[in-house]
N, C-alpha and C. Protein backbone atom coordinates (compact mmCIF):
# COMPACT_ATOMS: atom_id res chain seq x y z
N UNK A 1 26.73 -22.66 -2.80
CA UNK A 1 25.96 -21.74 -2.69
C UNK A 1 27.15 -20.41 -2.46
N UNK A 2 26.57 -19.27 -3.00
CA UNK A 2 26.86 -18.23 -1.91
C UNK A 2 26.66 -17.90 -0.67
N UNK A 3 27.20 -16.99 -0.42
CA UNK A 3 26.76 -16.11 1.21
C UNK A 3 24.87 -16.33 0.97
N UNK A 4 25.36 -14.92 0.12
CA UNK A 4 23.81 -14.48 0.03
C UNK A 4 22.76 -15.24 -0.84
N UNK A 5 23.07 -16.02 -1.45
CA UNK A 5 21.75 -16.48 -2.58
C UNK A 5 20.99 -16.92 -1.87
N UNK A 6 20.83 -17.39 -1.14
CA UNK A 6 19.98 -17.33 0.12
C UNK A 6 18.67 -16.07 -0.01
N UNK A 7 18.54 -15.45 0.17
CA UNK A 7 18.40 -13.95 0.15
C UNK A 7 17.91 -13.76 -1.40
N UNK A 8 18.81 -13.71 -2.06
CA UNK A 8 18.55 -12.89 -3.21
C UNK A 8 17.90 -14.16 -4.42
N UNK A 9 17.37 -15.10 -3.25
CA UNK A 9 16.96 -16.09 -4.77
C UNK A 9 15.50 -15.33 -5.34
N UNK A 10 15.28 -16.33 -6.40
CA UNK A 10 14.08 -15.68 -7.41
C UNK A 10 13.11 -16.13 -6.30
N UNK A 11 12.57 -16.91 -5.87
CA UNK A 11 11.87 -16.95 -4.96
C UNK A 11 11.32 -16.04 -3.46
N UNK A 12 12.77 -15.60 -3.28
CA UNK A 12 12.40 -14.76 -1.83
C UNK A 12 12.19 -13.10 -2.81
N UNK A 13 12.66 -12.88 -4.13
CA UNK A 13 12.49 -11.55 -4.50
C UNK A 13 10.74 -11.83 -5.18
N UNK A 14 10.07 -12.68 -5.70
CA UNK A 14 8.68 -12.99 -6.04
C UNK A 14 8.10 -11.87 -4.20
N UNK A 15 8.86 -12.74 -3.19
CA UNK A 15 8.07 -12.69 -2.09
C UNK A 15 7.97 -11.09 -2.07
N UNK A 16 9.11 -10.88 -1.81
CA UNK A 16 9.48 -9.05 -1.26
C UNK A 16 9.05 -8.59 -2.26
N UNK A 17 8.16 -9.19 -3.45
CA UNK A 17 7.72 -7.94 -4.54
C UNK A 17 6.61 -7.68 -4.48
N UNK A 18 5.70 -9.64 -3.88
CA UNK A 18 4.11 -9.31 -3.62
C UNK A 18 3.98 -7.98 -2.48
N UNK A 19 4.59 -8.29 -1.62
CA UNK A 19 4.90 -7.82 -0.17
C UNK A 19 5.46 -5.95 -0.44
N UNK A 20 5.46 -6.21 -1.12
CA UNK A 20 5.74 -4.28 -1.59
C UNK A 20 4.78 -3.91 -2.11
N UNK A 21 3.83 -4.58 -3.39
CA UNK A 21 2.88 -4.32 -3.76
C UNK A 21 1.72 -4.40 -3.11
N UNK A 22 1.47 -5.37 -2.05
CA UNK A 22 0.57 -5.06 -1.06
C UNK A 22 0.31 -4.24 -0.21
N UNK A 23 1.69 -3.29 -0.07
CA UNK A 23 1.68 -2.32 1.18
C UNK A 23 1.21 -1.18 0.12
N UNK A 24 1.71 -1.21 -1.42
CA UNK A 24 1.12 -0.27 -2.21
C UNK A 24 -0.44 0.11 -2.04
N UNK A 25 -0.99 -1.09 -2.22
CA UNK A 25 -1.97 -1.15 -2.19
C UNK A 25 -2.99 -0.80 -1.49
N UNK A 26 -2.10 -1.15 -0.31
CA UNK A 26 -3.29 -0.73 1.27
C UNK A 26 -2.33 0.19 1.44
N UNK A 27 -1.58 1.39 1.15
CA UNK A 27 -1.51 3.16 1.03
C UNK A 27 -2.42 3.63 0.25
N UNK A 28 -2.56 3.06 -1.14
CA UNK A 28 -3.51 4.21 -1.94
C UNK A 28 -4.73 3.98 -0.89
N UNK A 29 -4.92 3.03 -0.47
CA UNK A 29 -6.52 2.64 -0.50
C UNK A 29 -6.86 3.15 0.99
N UNK A 30 -5.89 3.51 1.75
CA UNK A 30 -5.99 4.70 3.39
C UNK A 30 -5.97 5.64 2.83
N UNK A 31 -5.17 6.51 1.29
CA UNK A 31 -4.88 7.57 1.12
C UNK A 31 -6.69 8.10 0.44
N UNK A 32 -6.93 7.04 -0.64
CA UNK A 32 -8.72 7.56 -0.77
C UNK A 32 -9.91 7.46 0.30
N UNK A 33 -9.26 6.69 1.36
CA UNK A 33 -10.58 6.71 1.94
C UNK A 33 -10.15 8.04 3.49
N UNK A 34 -9.19 8.75 3.10
CA UNK A 34 -8.61 9.63 4.02
C UNK A 34 -9.44 11.10 3.56
N UNK A 35 -9.37 10.66 1.44
CA UNK A 35 -9.36 11.71 0.79
C UNK A 35 -11.17 11.86 0.58
N UNK A 36 -11.84 11.11 0.94
CA UNK A 36 -13.61 10.74 0.85
C UNK A 36 -13.57 11.18 2.23
N UNK A 37 -13.16 10.89 3.50
CA UNK A 37 -13.43 11.59 4.93
C UNK A 37 -13.55 13.10 4.84
N UNK A 38 -12.77 13.52 4.03
CA UNK A 38 -12.52 14.82 4.19
C UNK A 38 -13.04 15.79 3.29
N UNK A 39 -13.79 15.29 2.00
CA UNK A 39 -14.44 15.64 1.02
C UNK A 39 -15.80 15.38 1.86
N UNK A 40 -16.50 14.45 2.39
CA UNK A 40 -18.08 13.99 2.52
C UNK A 40 -17.65 15.10 4.05
N UNK A 41 -16.53 15.46 4.95
CA UNK A 41 -16.58 16.25 6.02
C UNK A 41 -17.02 18.07 5.51
N UNK A 42 -16.33 17.96 4.32
CA UNK A 42 -16.46 19.01 3.43
C UNK A 42 -17.76 19.02 2.85
N UNK A 43 -18.23 18.57 2.52
CA UNK A 43 -19.72 18.20 2.01
C UNK A 43 -20.96 18.46 3.29
N UNK A 44 -21.03 17.59 3.78
CA UNK A 44 -21.78 17.89 5.45
C UNK A 44 -21.75 19.93 5.45
N UNK A 45 -20.79 20.13 5.72
CA UNK A 45 -20.21 21.46 5.86
C UNK A 45 -21.33 22.65 5.80
N UNK A 46 -20.89 22.42 4.08
CA UNK A 46 -21.72 22.79 2.88
C UNK A 46 -23.44 22.79 2.70
N UNK A 47 -23.78 21.69 3.21
CA UNK A 47 -25.35 21.29 3.46
C UNK A 47 -25.89 21.81 4.40
N UNK A 48 -25.35 22.66 5.56
CA UNK A 48 -25.96 22.59 6.70
C UNK A 48 -25.99 24.01 6.61
């Protein structure tokens, strides 16, 4: 085993990729919520 084998193993790569994937999904969801919130605010102003 080399010095960095433990961290660059296939299992660790999969775990890190999964974490990145979840972070991306979470960020997209947050952006969508923010956009919907701003759109709904704009629409309520127009209707009143």
